Amino acid sequence: MNRFVKLIFLVLVVAGCRPGASGDRGVVVARVYDDYLYESDLRRLVPDNISKLDSIAFVYTDQWIKTRLMIRQAEKNLTDRQLNFDRQLEDYKNSLIIYQYETELVRQKLDTLVTEEEIEKYYHEHLADFELKENIVKVQYVILDKEEELEDEFKKLFSLPDSISTDSLEFYSKEYAVPYFLDTATWVRFDDLLATIPIETYNQELFLKGNRFITLSDDRFVYLLKFVDFRIKNDISPLDFKRNDIRDIIINKRKVDLIKKLRADIYKQAILNKDFEVYY
């Protein structure tokens, strides 16, 4: 007799139920007062390719029993008014219906095209909202295998004028670096950079103000970094760093306005159509 069959037999004996069938639901597995759990209920929970049905059945049956006991205890101790959830269920259903309709309307009608002029206008009108909460940098870095002994060659590439440095670094980094980052248009959180480069500093602000190019090494790698620009915490965030956030803010505002207009239009039309009346 496998564990699942033993479990069914044990529960039936303890609960005082007789193993039997109830329509298409099969053998009774457990009983709590007038509620019954059937083997078919357990079978539906487990995919056909799961072999350990007995252990899953035990966990589910135990939880089912505890839940039904708690429900019974609650029903005994709560008033009829406390147990009446009709209003809450109706409100919840109505909320879901409205949400589904508004979501579909937004999907169909919301204009998600945001121009650069709109982004810049919002940025300049809300500068106080864009105070930096962390230090950010524009940086180029290359990580080299220490055994390749390429540090000096890459230092020379970093020392080239900016107009040709990036292209040269890109060309050689593809071959030798593991990995590299040369995008000077993208702002990077300094804390994220520290997760990749083993910079040790107790004062990020002083470090950024005092370093433009640094070289670090550990047992395996050499790290070469060039700081192109930086902003300190509590400064105003550059537009480039907040462009996507501003776009999301503008779109969300349009969404809110669209829903407000929808509700107002429905109400106005209902007044014209005399679809409702108020009795005082």
Protein backbone atom coordinates (compact mmCIF):
# COMPACT_ATOMS: atom_id res chain seq x y z
CA MET A 1 0.00 0.00 0.00
CA ASN A 2 1.62 3.26 -1.06
CA ARG A 3 1.73 6.38 1.13
CA PHE A 4 -1.12 8.07 -0.70
CA VAL A 5 -3.47 5.13 -0.12
CA LYS A 6 -2.30 4.91 3.52
CA LEU A 7 -2.99 8.63 3.93
CA ILE A 8 -6.52 8.26 2.58
CA PHE A 9 -7.17 5.26 4.83
CA LEU A 10 -5.80 7.01 7.92
CA VAL A 11 -7.79 10.19 7.38
CA LEU A 12 -10.96 8.23 6.77
CA VAL A 13 -10.54 6.28 10.00
CA VAL A 14 -9.69 9.33 12.12
CA ALA A 15 -12.50 11.41 10.66
CA GLY A 16 -15.02 8.64 11.01
CA CYS A 17 -15.84 8.54 7.30
CA ARG A 18 -16.41 5.42 5.28
CA PRO A 19 -14.37 5.08 2.09
CA GLY A 20 -16.78 5.39 -0.74
CA ALA A 21 -17.77 7.31 -3.81
CA SER A 22 -19.86 10.41 -4.31
CA GLY A 23 -20.94 10.74 -7.93
CA ASP A 24 -17.90 11.45 -10.07
CA ARG A 25 -15.81 12.82 -7.24
CA GLY A 26 -14.49 9.44 -6.05
CA VAL A 27 -13.21 8.41 -2.64
CA VAL A 28 -13.62 10.68 0.39
CA VAL A 29 -10.22 11.74 1.73
CA ALA A 30 -11.17 14.00 4.63
CA ARG A 31 -14.13 15.55 6.41
CA VAL A 32 -14.51 18.69 8.50
CA TYR A 33 -18.06 18.91 9.85
CA ASP A 34 -20.23 18.82 6.70
CA ASP A 35 -17.45 19.60 4.23
CA TYR A 36 -15.79 16.73 2.38
CA LEU A 37 -12.51 16.49 0.50
CA TYR A 38 -12.32 13.91 -2.28
CA GLU A 39 -9.44 12.11 -3.93
CA SER A 40 -10.44 13.69 -7.25
CA ASP A 41 -9.92 17.14 -5.69
CA LEU A 42 -6.32 16.19 -4.93
CA ARG A 43 -5.73 14.60 -8.32
CA ARG A 44 -6.67 17.81 -10.12
CA LEU A 45 -3.95 19.68 -8.24
CA VAL A 46 -1.11 17.50 -9.45
CA PRO A 47 0.13 17.14 -13.06
CA ASP A 48 0.21 13.62 -14.47
CA ASN A 49 4.02 13.58 -14.56
CA ILE A 50 4.35 14.19 -10.80
CA SER A 51 5.13 10.96 -8.98
CA LYS A 52 5.12 12.24 -5.38
CA LEU A 53 1.36 12.66 -5.16
CA ASP A 54 1.33 11.26 -1.63
CA SER A 55 3.47 14.04 -0.12
CA ILE A 56 1.59 16.77 -1.98
CA ALA A 57 -1.70 15.21 -0.94
CA PHE A 58 -0.64 15.20 2.70
CA VAL A 59 0.30 18.90 2.64
CA TYR A 60 -2.87 19.95 0.84
CA THR A 61 -5.14 17.80 3.01
CA ASP A 62 -3.60 19.17 6.19
CA GLN A 63 -4.05 22.74 4.93
CA TRP A 64 -7.60 22.04 3.79
CA ILE A 65 -8.53 20.73 7.23
CA LYS A 66 -6.99 23.71 9.04
CA THR A 67 -8.73 26.17 6.70
CA ARG A 68 -12.14 24.55 7.12
CA LEU A 69 -11.72 24.49 10.91
CA MET A 70 -10.87 28.20 10.96
CA ILE A 71 -13.89 28.99 8.76
CA ARG A 72 -16.16 27.01 11.08
CA GLN A 73 -14.74 28.78 14.14
CA ALA A 74 -15.16 32.19 12.50
CA GLU A 75 -18.75 31.44 11.49
CA LYS A 76 -19.58 30.50 15.08
CA ASN A 77 -18.17 33.72 16.51
CA LEU A 78 -19.11 36.37 13.95
CA THR A 79 -22.51 37.99 13.66
CA ASP A 80 -24.71 37.62 10.59
CA ARG A 81 -23.88 41.21 9.70
CA GLN A 82 -20.15 40.52 9.91
CA LEU A 83 -20.59 37.45 7.74
CA ASN A 84 -22.56 39.28 5.05
CA PHE A 85 -20.11 40.01 2.26
CA ASP A 86 -22.66 40.75 -0.45
CA ARG A 87 -21.91 44.49 -0.45
CA GLN A 88 -18.14 44.01 -0.48
CA LEU A 89 -18.35 41.42 -3.27
CA GLU A 90 -20.62 43.67 -5.32
CA ASP A 91 -18.27 46.65 -4.85
CA TYR A 92 -15.29 44.50 -5.80
CA LYS A 93 -17.03 43.18 -8.91
CA ASN A 94 -18.01 46.71 -9.96
CA SER A 95 -14.44 47.91 -9.45
CA LEU A 96 -13.14 45.10 -11.66
CA ILE A 97 -15.65 45.89 -14.40
CA ILE A 98 -14.76 49.60 -14.38
CA TYR A 99 -11.04 48.85 -14.27
CA GLN A 100 -11.29 46.45 -17.21
CA TYR A 101 -13.24 48.96 -19.31
CA GLU A 102 -10.92 51.87 -18.51
CA THR A 103 -7.86 49.73 -19.22
CA GLU A 104 -9.23 48.79 -22.64
CA LEU A 105 -10.13 52.40 -23.40
CA VAL A 106 -6.62 53.54 -22.46
CA ARG A 107 -5.13 50.83 -24.67
CA GLN A 108 -7.18 52.02 -27.64
CA LYS A 109 -7.05 55.79 -27.26
CA LEU A 110 -4.04 56.84 -25.19
CA ASP A 111 -1.49 58.85 -27.14
CA THR A 112 1.92 57.51 -26.09
CA LEU A 113 4.01 59.70 -28.38
CA VAL A 114 5.93 62.22 -26.27
CA THR A 115 8.01 64.85 -28.06
CA GLU A 116 11.40 66.10 -26.93
CA GLU A 117 9.88 69.57 -26.50
CA GLU A 118 7.32 68.19 -24.05
CA ILE A 119 10.02 66.41 -22.08
CA GLU A 120 12.24 69.50 -21.87
CA LYS A 121 9.28 71.71 -20.90
CA TYR A 122 8.27 69.38 -18.08
CA TYR A 123 11.88 69.09 -16.88
CA HIS A 124 12.43 72.86 -16.65
CA GLU A 125 9.06 73.42 -14.98
CA HIS A 126 9.74 70.79 -12.31
CA LEU A 127 13.47 71.13 -11.59
CA ALA A 128 12.90 70.88 -7.85
CA ASP A 129 11.50 67.36 -8.36
CA PHE A 130 14.72 66.10 -9.92
CA GLU A 131 17.18 66.40 -7.08
CA LEU A 132 19.63 63.54 -7.24
CA LYS A 133 19.43 60.94 -4.50
CA GLU A 134 22.78 59.40 -5.45
CA ASN A 135 25.99 60.11 -7.32
CA ILE A 136 25.99 59.43 -11.06
CA VAL A 137 28.77 59.37 -13.67
CA LYS A 138 29.50 59.20 -17.34
CA VAL A 139 32.38 56.80 -17.59
CA GLN A 140 34.44 54.66 -19.93
CA TYR A 141 36.13 51.56 -18.61
CA VAL A 142 38.03 48.56 -19.90
CA ILE A 143 38.74 45.39 -17.95
CA LEU A 144 41.76 43.40 -19.13
CA ASP A 145 43.14 40.00 -18.29
CA LYS A 146 46.25 40.68 -16.23
CA GLU A 147 48.25 37.98 -17.99
CA GLU A 148 47.84 39.70 -21.37
CA GLU A 149 50.00 42.66 -20.19
CA LEU A 150 48.07 45.18 -22.28
CA GLU A 151 47.76 47.92 -19.67
CA ASP A 152 50.26 50.32 -21.25
CA GLU A 153 48.77 50.00 -24.73
CA PHE A 154 45.27 50.80 -23.47
CA LYS A 155 46.53 53.71 -21.41
CA LYS A 156 47.83 55.21 -24.63
CA LEU A 157 44.42 54.74 -26.24
CA PHE A 158 42.73 56.50 -23.33
CA SER A 159 45.15 59.40 -23.68
CA LEU A 160 44.16 60.06 -27.29
CA PRO A 161 41.89 63.04 -28.06
CA ASP A 162 38.24 62.28 -27.34
CA SER A 163 37.34 62.50 -31.03
CA ILE A 164 39.39 59.39 -31.85
CA SER A 165 39.82 57.73 -28.46
CA THR A 166 36.43 56.02 -28.32
CA ASP A 167 36.64 54.50 -31.80
CA SER A 168 40.13 53.16 -31.09
CA LEU A 169 39.10 51.77 -27.73
CA GLU A 170 36.04 50.15 -29.28
CA PHE A 171 38.15 48.44 -31.92
CA TYR A 172 40.72 46.97 -29.52
CA SER A 173 38.31 46.29 -26.64
CA LYS A 174 36.27 43.92 -28.80
CA GLU A 175 39.40 41.84 -29.17
CA TYR A 176 41.00 42.05 -25.73
CA ALA A 177 38.68 43.43 -23.04
CA VAL A 178 36.49 41.36 -20.70
CA PRO A 179 34.23 43.35 -20.55
CA TYR A 180 34.23 47.06 -21.46
CA PHE A 181 31.90 50.08 -21.44
CA LEU A 182 32.49 53.12 -23.63
CA ASP A 183 29.10 54.84 -23.94
CA THR A 184 29.71 58.44 -22.89
CA ALA A 185 26.08 59.43 -23.52
CA THR A 186 24.69 57.27 -20.72
CA TRP A 187 24.61 58.24 -17.05
CA VAL A 188 25.51 55.40 -14.68
CA ARG A 189 24.80 55.19 -10.96
CA PHE A 190 28.12 55.26 -9.18
CA ASP A 191 27.00 52.48 -6.84
CA ASP A 192 26.29 50.30 -9.89
CA LEU A 193 29.79 51.02 -11.17
CA LEU A 194 31.24 49.92 -7.82
CA ALA A 195 29.54 46.56 -8.28
CA THR A 196 31.71 46.01 -11.38
CA ILE A 197 34.92 47.91 -10.60
CA PRO A 198 36.65 47.34 -7.22
CA ILE A 199 37.02 51.03 -6.33
CA GLU A 200 37.59 51.57 -2.63
CA THR A 201 36.48 54.95 -1.33
CA TYR A 202 34.89 56.24 1.84
CA ASN A 203 33.82 59.51 0.24
CA GLN A 204 32.39 59.20 -3.25
CA GLU A 205 32.07 62.94 -3.74
CA LEU A 206 35.74 63.66 -3.00
CA PHE A 207 36.80 60.69 -5.09
CA LEU A 208 34.85 61.90 -8.14
CA LYS A 209 36.09 65.46 -7.76
CA GLY A 210 39.71 64.31 -7.53
CA ASN A 211 39.93 61.65 -10.25
CA ARG A 212 39.57 61.71 -14.02
CA PHE A 213 41.55 58.61 -15.03
CA ILE A 214 42.42 55.71 -12.73
CA THR A 215 43.99 52.26 -13.02
CA LEU A 216 43.25 49.43 -10.60
CA SER A 217 44.20 45.78 -10.46
CA ASP A 218 43.54 42.62 -8.53
CA ASP A 219 44.80 39.04 -8.85
CA ARG A 220 43.19 38.48 -12.26
CA PHE A 221 42.29 41.78 -13.93
CA VAL A 222 43.45 45.30 -14.68
CA TYR A 223 40.78 48.03 -14.63
CA LEU A 224 41.19 51.26 -16.58
CA LEU A 225 38.56 53.99 -16.06
CA LYS A 226 38.05 57.44 -17.47
CA PHE A 227 35.41 59.67 -15.88
CA VAL A 228 33.85 61.87 -18.55
CA ASP A 229 31.37 63.68 -16.29
CA PHE A 230 29.70 63.34 -12.91
CA ARG A 231 26.90 64.74 -10.78
CA ILE A 232 26.91 64.72 -6.99
CA LYS A 233 24.01 63.73 -4.78
CA ASN A 234 21.63 66.64 -4.10
CA ASP A 235 22.55 68.28 -7.41
CA ILE A 236 19.80 68.68 -9.99
CA SER A 237 19.66 65.56 -12.10
CA PRO A 238 20.65 66.06 -15.75
CA LEU A 239 17.81 65.74 -18.24
CA ASP A 240 19.43 62.76 -19.94
CA PHE A 241 19.27 60.80 -16.69
CA LYS A 242 15.56 61.48 -16.17
CA ARG A 243 14.31 61.49 -19.78
CA ASN A 244 12.59 58.09 -19.58
CA ASP A 245 11.09 58.89 -16.18
CA ILE A 246 9.67 62.15 -17.49
CA ARG A 247 8.20 60.38 -20.51
CA ASP A 248 6.46 57.93 -18.16
CA ILE A 249 5.16 60.79 -16.00
CA ILE A 250 3.69 62.59 -19.02
CA ILE A 251 2.04 59.42 -20.34
CA ASN A 252 0.62 58.58 -16.92
CA LYS A 253 -0.82 62.11 -16.62
CA ARG A 254 -2.46 61.67 -20.02
CA LYS A 255 -3.89 58.39 -18.81
CA VAL A 256 -5.37 60.01 -15.71
CA ASP A 257 -6.79 62.89 -17.76
CA LEU A 258 -8.28 60.48 -20.31
CA ILE A 259 -10.07 58.51 -17.60
CA LYS A 260 -11.34 61.70 -15.94
CA LYS A 261 -12.69 62.92 -19.27
CA LEU A 262 -14.33 59.55 -19.91
CA ARG A 263 -16.16 59.65 -16.60
CA ALA A 264 -17.18 63.29 -17.08
CA ASP A 265 -18.47 62.62 -20.60
CA ILE A 266 -20.51 59.62 -19.48
CA TYR A 267 -22.05 61.67 -16.69
CA LYS A 268 -22.87 64.62 -18.97
CA GLN A 269 -24.42 62.35 -21.58
CA ALA A 270 -26.51 60.62 -18.93
CA ILE A 271 -27.84 64.02 -17.81
CA LEU A 272 -28.80 64.91 -21.40
CA ASN A 273 -30.46 61.54 -21.89
CA LYS A 274 -32.18 61.73 -18.49
CA ASP A 275 -30.77 58.31 -17.72
CA PHE A 276 -30.93 58.90 -13.98
CA GLU A 277 -32.87 60.82 -11.40
CA VAL A 278 -32.17 61.85 -7.82
CA TYR A 279 -35.00 61.75 -5.31
CA TYR A 280 -34.54 63.91 -2.21
